[in-house]
């Protein structure tokens, strides 16, 4: 018998591992809609992570643009253009990476759903 730290019913405390096991089995086998929803939620979490990475790249690009415009070293238009061009390339790369991840996410989501079906 386990130690009863919080005044829990002893029978319930001893049944806890069995209830945990039962819940896992119920989710795995008895409720396919819950499994499909879990697959959808995993894909949604990944999409949010990718979007957060893209927003971070946008913020960093904005900060670098501000630094270029405020920097006294980039006094000539050519230097400003080079700085701007570098930032455009970084943003283009970030957008391409975002789109690649979106395509992969779509394929992964379909695989997850197919596995659940």
N, C-alpha and C. Protein backbone atom coordinates (compact mmCIF):
# COMPACT_ATOMS: atom_id res chain seq x y z
N UNK A 1 0.85 -1.18 0.00
CA UNK A 1 0.00 0.00 0.00
C UNK A 1 0.89 1.24 0.00
N UNK A 2 0.44 2.26 -0.70
CA UNK A 2 1.21 3.49 -0.83
C UNK A 2 0.98 4.40 0.36
N UNK A 3 1.91 5.32 0.55
CA UNK A 3 1.79 6.33 1.59
C UNK A 3 0.68 7.31 1.19
N UNK A 4 -0.12 7.74 2.13
CA UNK A 4 -1.27 8.59 1.86
C UNK A 4 -0.97 10.02 2.31
N UNK A 5 -0.31 10.84 1.46
CA UNK A 5 0.13 12.16 1.91
C UNK A 5 -0.97 13.21 2.00
N UNK A 6 -2.05 13.08 1.22
CA UNK A 6 -3.04 14.15 1.17
C UNK A 6 -4.43 13.72 1.62
N UNK A 7 -4.53 12.65 2.38
CA UNK A 7 -5.81 12.21 2.87
C UNK A 7 -6.69 11.61 1.79
N UNK A 8 -6.09 11.07 0.74
CA UNK A 8 -6.83 10.48 -0.36
C UNK A 8 -7.39 9.12 0.07
N UNK A 9 -8.49 8.73 -0.50
CA UNK A 9 -9.07 7.42 -0.22
C UNK A 9 -8.05 6.34 -0.63
N UNK A 10 -7.70 5.41 0.28
CA UNK A 10 -6.68 4.39 -0.04
C UNK A 10 -7.03 3.55 -1.26
N UNK A 11 -8.29 3.22 -1.43
CA UNK A 11 -8.67 2.41 -2.59
C UNK A 11 -8.43 3.18 -3.89
N UNK A 12 -8.75 4.46 -3.90
CA UNK A 12 -8.55 5.30 -5.08
C UNK A 12 -7.06 5.49 -5.37
N UNK A 13 -6.29 5.65 -4.30
CA UNK A 13 -4.86 5.85 -4.45
C UNK A 13 -4.21 4.60 -5.06
N UNK A 14 -4.64 3.42 -4.65
CA UNK A 14 -4.08 2.18 -5.19
C UNK A 14 -4.58 1.90 -6.60
N UNK A 15 -5.72 2.45 -6.96
CA UNK A 15 -6.29 2.23 -8.29
C UNK A 15 -5.74 3.21 -9.32
N UNK A 16 -5.01 4.22 -8.89
CA UNK A 16 -4.53 5.25 -9.79
C UNK A 16 -3.73 4.70 -10.98
N UNK A 17 -2.78 3.79 -10.79
CA UNK A 17 -2.06 3.25 -11.96
C UNK A 17 -3.00 2.54 -12.94
N UNK A 18 -3.99 1.85 -12.41
CA UNK A 18 -4.94 1.16 -13.27
C UNK A 18 -5.79 2.16 -14.06
N UNK A 19 -6.21 3.25 -13.40
CA UNK A 19 -6.99 4.27 -14.11
C UNK A 19 -6.16 4.95 -15.19
N UNK A 20 -4.90 5.20 -14.90
CA UNK A 20 -4.02 5.80 -15.89
C UNK A 20 -3.88 4.89 -17.09
N UNK A 21 -3.65 3.61 -16.83
CA UNK A 21 -3.53 2.63 -17.92
C UNK A 21 -4.82 2.58 -18.73
N UNK A 22 -5.96 2.58 -18.05
CA UNK A 22 -7.24 2.50 -18.73
C UNK A 22 -7.46 3.72 -19.62
N UNK A 23 -7.10 4.90 -19.14
CA UNK A 23 -7.27 6.10 -19.94
C UNK A 23 -6.41 6.05 -21.20
N UNK A 24 -5.19 5.56 -21.06
CA UNK A 24 -4.32 5.45 -22.22
C UNK A 24 -4.91 4.48 -23.25
N UNK A 25 -5.43 3.35 -22.78
CA UNK A 25 -6.02 2.37 -23.69
C UNK A 25 -7.28 2.92 -24.34
N UNK A 26 -8.07 3.66 -23.58
CA UNK A 26 -9.31 4.22 -24.11
C UNK A 26 -9.01 5.20 -25.22
N UNK A 27 -8.00 6.05 -25.01
CA UNK A 27 -7.64 7.02 -26.03
C UNK A 27 -7.08 6.33 -27.26
N UNK A 28 -6.30 5.28 -27.06
CA UNK A 28 -5.68 4.59 -28.20
C UNK A 28 -6.68 3.83 -29.04
N UNK A 29 -7.64 3.15 -28.41
CA UNK A 29 -8.48 2.25 -29.18
C UNK A 29 -9.93 2.61 -29.31
N UNK A 30 -10.51 3.17 -28.31
CA UNK A 30 -11.96 3.31 -28.30
C UNK A 30 -12.45 4.61 -28.90
N UNK A 31 -11.59 5.56 -29.12
CA UNK A 31 -12.07 6.86 -29.56
C UNK A 31 -11.24 7.39 -30.73
N UNK A 32 -11.54 6.96 -31.96
CA UNK A 32 -10.73 7.43 -33.10
C UNK A 32 -10.83 8.92 -33.35
N UNK A 33 -11.98 9.53 -33.01
CA UNK A 33 -12.10 10.97 -33.20
C UNK A 33 -11.12 11.72 -32.29
N UNK A 34 -10.93 11.22 -31.08
CA UNK A 34 -9.96 11.85 -30.18
C UNK A 34 -8.55 11.71 -30.74
N UNK A 35 -8.26 10.56 -31.35
CA UNK A 35 -6.94 10.36 -31.95
C UNK A 35 -6.73 11.30 -33.12
N UNK A 36 -7.77 11.47 -33.96
CA UNK A 36 -7.63 12.38 -35.09
C UNK A 36 -7.51 13.81 -34.61
N UNK A 37 -8.22 14.15 -33.56
CA UNK A 37 -8.09 15.50 -33.01
C UNK A 37 -6.69 15.71 -32.43
N UNK A 38 -6.14 14.67 -31.78
CA UNK A 38 -4.78 14.79 -31.25
C UNK A 38 -3.77 14.98 -32.39
N UNK A 39 -3.95 14.27 -33.49
CA UNK A 39 -3.07 14.44 -34.66
C UNK A 39 -3.20 15.86 -35.21
N UNK A 40 -4.42 16.38 -35.27
CA UNK A 40 -4.64 17.73 -35.74
C UNK A 40 -3.98 18.75 -34.81
N UNK A 41 -4.10 18.52 -33.51
CA UNK A 41 -3.49 19.44 -32.53
C UNK A 41 -1.97 19.42 -32.63
N UNK A 42 -1.38 18.24 -32.87
CA UNK A 42 0.07 18.17 -33.04
C UNK A 42 0.49 18.97 -34.26
N UNK A 43 -0.25 18.83 -35.35
CA UNK A 43 0.07 19.58 -36.56
C UNK A 43 -0.10 21.08 -36.34
N UNK A 44 -1.13 21.44 -35.62
CA UNK A 44 -1.36 22.86 -35.31
C UNK A 44 -0.22 23.42 -34.46
N UNK A 45 0.24 22.64 -33.49
CA UNK A 45 1.35 23.09 -32.65
C UNK A 45 2.62 23.29 -33.49
N UNK A 46 2.86 22.38 -34.43
CA UNK A 46 4.02 22.54 -35.31
C UNK A 46 3.88 23.78 -36.19
N UNK A 47 2.67 24.01 -36.71
CA UNK A 47 2.45 25.19 -37.55
C UNK A 47 2.69 26.47 -36.76
N UNK A 48 2.24 26.49 -35.52
CA UNK A 48 2.46 27.67 -34.68
C UNK A 48 3.94 27.87 -34.41
N UNK A 49 4.68 26.77 -34.25
CA UNK A 49 6.12 26.88 -34.04
C UNK A 49 6.80 27.46 -35.28
N UNK A 50 6.39 27.00 -36.46
CA UNK A 50 6.98 27.52 -37.70
C UNK A 50 6.65 29.00 -37.88
N UNK A 51 5.43 29.38 -37.56
CA UNK A 51 5.04 30.78 -37.69
C UNK A 51 5.82 31.65 -36.70
N UNK A 52 6.04 31.13 -35.50
CA UNK A 52 6.82 31.88 -34.51
C UNK A 52 8.25 32.07 -34.99
N UNK A 53 8.81 31.05 -35.63
CA UNK A 53 10.16 31.18 -36.18
C UNK A 53 10.19 32.25 -37.28
N UNK A 54 9.16 32.27 -38.12
CA UNK A 54 9.10 33.27 -39.19
C UNK A 54 8.94 34.68 -38.60
N UNK A 55 8.07 34.82 -37.61
CA UNK A 55 7.88 36.13 -36.99
C UNK A 55 9.16 36.61 -36.31
N UNK A 56 9.93 35.68 -35.76
CA UNK A 56 11.22 36.03 -35.17
C UNK A 56 12.16 36.56 -36.26
N UNK A 57 12.16 35.89 -37.42
CA UNK A 57 13.01 36.35 -38.53
C UNK A 57 12.57 37.73 -39.00
N UNK A 58 11.27 37.99 -39.04
CA UNK A 58 10.77 39.31 -39.45
C UNK A 58 11.22 40.37 -38.45
N UNK A 59 11.10 40.06 -37.16
CA UNK A 59 11.51 41.03 -36.13
C UNK A 59 13.01 41.31 -36.20
N UNK A 60 13.80 40.26 -36.39
CA UNK A 60 15.25 40.45 -36.49
C UNK A 60 15.59 41.28 -37.72
N UNK A 61 14.89 41.04 -38.82
CA UNK A 61 15.13 41.81 -40.04
C UNK A 61 14.78 43.28 -39.82
N UNK A 62 13.68 43.53 -39.14
CA UNK A 62 13.30 44.91 -38.84
C UNK A 62 14.33 45.61 -37.97
N UNK A 63 14.85 44.87 -37.00
CA UNK A 63 15.89 45.44 -36.13
C UNK A 63 17.16 45.75 -36.92
N UNK A 64 17.54 44.83 -37.81
CA UNK A 64 18.72 45.06 -38.62
C UNK A 64 18.52 46.24 -39.58
N UNK A 65 17.30 46.38 -40.11
CA UNK A 65 17.01 47.52 -40.99
C UNK A 65 17.13 48.83 -40.22
N UNK A 66 16.62 48.85 -39.01
CA UNK A 66 16.74 50.04 -38.16
C UNK A 66 18.21 50.35 -37.89
N UNK A 67 18.99 49.30 -37.61
CA UNK A 67 20.42 49.50 -37.38
C UNK A 67 21.11 50.06 -38.62
N UNK A 68 20.72 49.56 -39.80
CA UNK A 68 21.33 50.06 -41.04
C UNK A 68 21.00 51.53 -41.24
N UNK A 69 19.75 51.90 -40.98
CA UNK A 69 19.35 53.30 -41.22
C UNK A 69 19.94 54.25 -40.18
N UNK A 70 20.14 53.77 -38.96
CA UNK A 70 20.68 54.62 -37.90
C UNK A 70 22.20 54.63 -37.84
N UNK A 71 22.82 53.73 -38.59
CA UNK A 71 24.26 53.59 -38.55
C UNK A 71 24.91 54.70 -39.39
N UNK A 72 25.79 55.41 -38.79
CA UNK A 72 26.49 56.50 -39.48
C UNK A 72 27.49 55.97 -40.51
N UNK A 73 27.90 54.71 -40.35
CA UNK A 73 28.88 54.14 -41.29
C UNK A 73 28.28 53.96 -42.67
N UNK A 74 26.96 53.70 -42.74
CA UNK A 74 26.30 53.50 -44.02
C UNK A 74 25.76 54.84 -44.54
N UNK A 75 26.67 55.73 -44.79
CA UNK A 75 26.27 57.08 -45.19
C UNK A 75 25.92 57.16 -46.67
N UNK A 76 26.51 56.32 -47.47
CA UNK A 76 26.27 56.42 -48.92
C UNK A 76 25.05 55.58 -49.31
N UNK A 77 24.40 55.97 -50.38
CA UNK A 77 23.24 55.20 -50.84
C UNK A 77 23.60 53.76 -51.23
N UNK A 78 24.82 53.56 -51.73
CA UNK A 78 25.24 52.22 -52.13
C UNK A 78 25.33 51.29 -50.91
N UNK A 79 25.84 51.82 -49.82
CA UNK A 79 25.95 51.01 -48.60
C UNK A 79 24.58 50.69 -48.04
N UNK A 80 23.67 51.66 -48.09
CA UNK A 80 22.31 51.41 -47.65
C UNK A 80 21.62 50.37 -48.53
N UNK A 81 21.88 50.46 -49.84
CA UNK A 81 21.29 49.49 -50.76
C UNK A 81 21.83 48.09 -50.48
N UNK A 82 23.14 47.98 -50.21
CA UNK A 82 23.72 46.67 -49.91
C UNK A 82 23.12 46.09 -48.63
N UNK A 83 22.94 46.93 -47.64
CA UNK A 83 22.33 46.49 -46.38
C UNK A 83 20.90 46.03 -46.63
N UNK A 84 20.15 46.82 -47.36
CA UNK A 84 18.76 46.49 -47.67
C UNK A 84 18.69 45.20 -48.47
N UNK A 85 19.57 45.03 -49.45
CA UNK A 85 19.58 43.83 -50.28
C UNK A 85 19.86 42.58 -49.44
N UNK A 86 20.79 42.70 -48.50
CA UNK A 86 21.10 41.58 -47.62
C UNK A 86 19.87 41.19 -46.79
N UNK A 87 19.15 42.19 -46.30
CA UNK A 87 17.96 41.92 -45.50
C UNK A 87 16.84 41.30 -46.34
N UNK A 88 16.71 41.76 -47.58
CA UNK A 88 15.70 41.18 -48.47
C UNK A 88 16.02 39.72 -48.74
N UNK A 89 17.28 39.40 -48.92
CA UNK A 89 17.69 38.01 -49.13
C UNK A 89 17.38 37.16 -47.89
N UNK A 90 17.65 37.70 -46.72
CA UNK A 90 17.35 36.97 -45.48
C UNK A 90 15.84 36.70 -45.35
N UNK A 91 15.04 37.71 -45.66
CA UNK A 91 13.59 37.53 -45.57
C UNK A 91 13.08 36.56 -46.62
N UNK A 92 13.67 36.61 -47.81
CA UNK A 92 13.28 35.66 -48.86
C UNK A 92 13.60 34.24 -48.43
N UNK A 93 14.78 34.04 -47.86
CA UNK A 93 15.14 32.71 -47.36
C UNK A 93 14.20 32.26 -46.24
N UNK A 94 13.84 33.17 -45.35
CA UNK A 94 12.92 32.82 -44.27
C UNK A 94 11.55 32.45 -44.82
N UNK A 95 11.10 33.17 -45.85
CA UNK A 95 9.80 32.87 -46.45
C UNK A 95 9.83 31.52 -47.17
N UNK A 96 10.93 31.23 -47.87
CA UNK A 96 11.06 29.93 -48.55
C UNK A 96 11.05 28.80 -47.52
N UNK A 97 11.77 28.99 -46.44
CA UNK A 97 11.79 27.97 -45.38
C UNK A 97 10.40 27.77 -44.80
N UNK A 98 9.68 28.88 -44.61
CA UNK A 98 8.31 28.81 -44.08
C UNK A 98 7.42 28.02 -45.02
N UNK A 99 7.52 28.27 -46.32
CA UNK A 99 6.69 27.56 -47.29
C UNK A 99 7.04 26.08 -47.37
N UNK A 100 8.33 25.76 -47.30
CA UNK A 100 8.75 24.35 -47.30
C UNK A 100 8.18 23.64 -46.08
N UNK A 101 8.24 24.29 -44.94
CA UNK A 101 7.71 23.69 -43.72
C UNK A 101 6.19 23.51 -43.82
N UNK A 102 5.50 24.45 -44.45
CA UNK A 102 4.05 24.33 -44.61
C UNK A 102 3.70 23.14 -45.49
N UNK A 103 4.47 22.93 -46.55
CA UNK A 103 4.23 21.78 -47.43
C UNK A 103 4.49 20.49 -46.67
N UNK A 104 5.60 20.43 -45.95
CA UNK A 104 5.92 19.23 -45.17
C UNK A 104 4.86 18.97 -44.10
N UNK A 105 4.38 20.04 -43.50
CA UNK A 105 3.36 19.90 -42.46
C UNK A 105 2.08 19.31 -43.03
N UNK A 106 1.69 19.73 -44.23
CA UNK A 106 0.51 19.20 -44.87
C UNK A 106 0.65 17.70 -45.13
N UNK A 107 1.82 17.30 -45.63
CA UNK A 107 2.07 15.88 -45.89
C UNK A 107 2.08 15.09 -44.58
N UNK A 108 2.75 15.63 -43.55
CA UNK A 108 2.80 14.95 -42.26
C UNK A 108 1.42 14.81 -41.65
N UNK A 109 0.60 15.85 -41.79
CA UNK A 109 -0.75 15.80 -41.24
C UNK A 109 -1.57 14.71 -41.93
N UNK A 110 -1.46 14.62 -43.25
CA UNK A 110 -2.18 13.56 -43.97
C UNK A 110 -1.70 12.18 -43.54
N UNK A 111 -0.39 12.02 -43.33
CA UNK A 111 0.14 10.74 -42.86
C UNK A 111 -0.41 10.39 -41.49
N UNK A 112 -0.43 11.38 -40.59
CA UNK A 112 -0.96 11.15 -39.24
C UNK A 112 -2.42 10.73 -39.28
N UNK A 113 -3.20 11.46 -40.10
CA UNK A 113 -4.62 11.10 -40.20
C UNK A 113 -4.81 9.71 -40.78
N UNK A 114 -4.03 9.39 -41.80
CA UNK A 114 -4.16 8.08 -42.42
C UNK A 114 -3.79 6.98 -41.41
N UNK A 115 -2.77 7.21 -40.62
CA UNK A 115 -2.39 6.23 -39.60
C UNK A 115 -3.49 6.05 -38.57
N UNK A 116 -4.20 7.13 -38.24
CA UNK A 116 -5.27 7.05 -37.25
C UNK A 116 -6.50 6.35 -37.80
N UNK A 117 -6.70 6.49 -39.12
CA UNK A 117 -7.88 5.84 -39.73
C UNK A 117 -7.61 4.36 -39.80
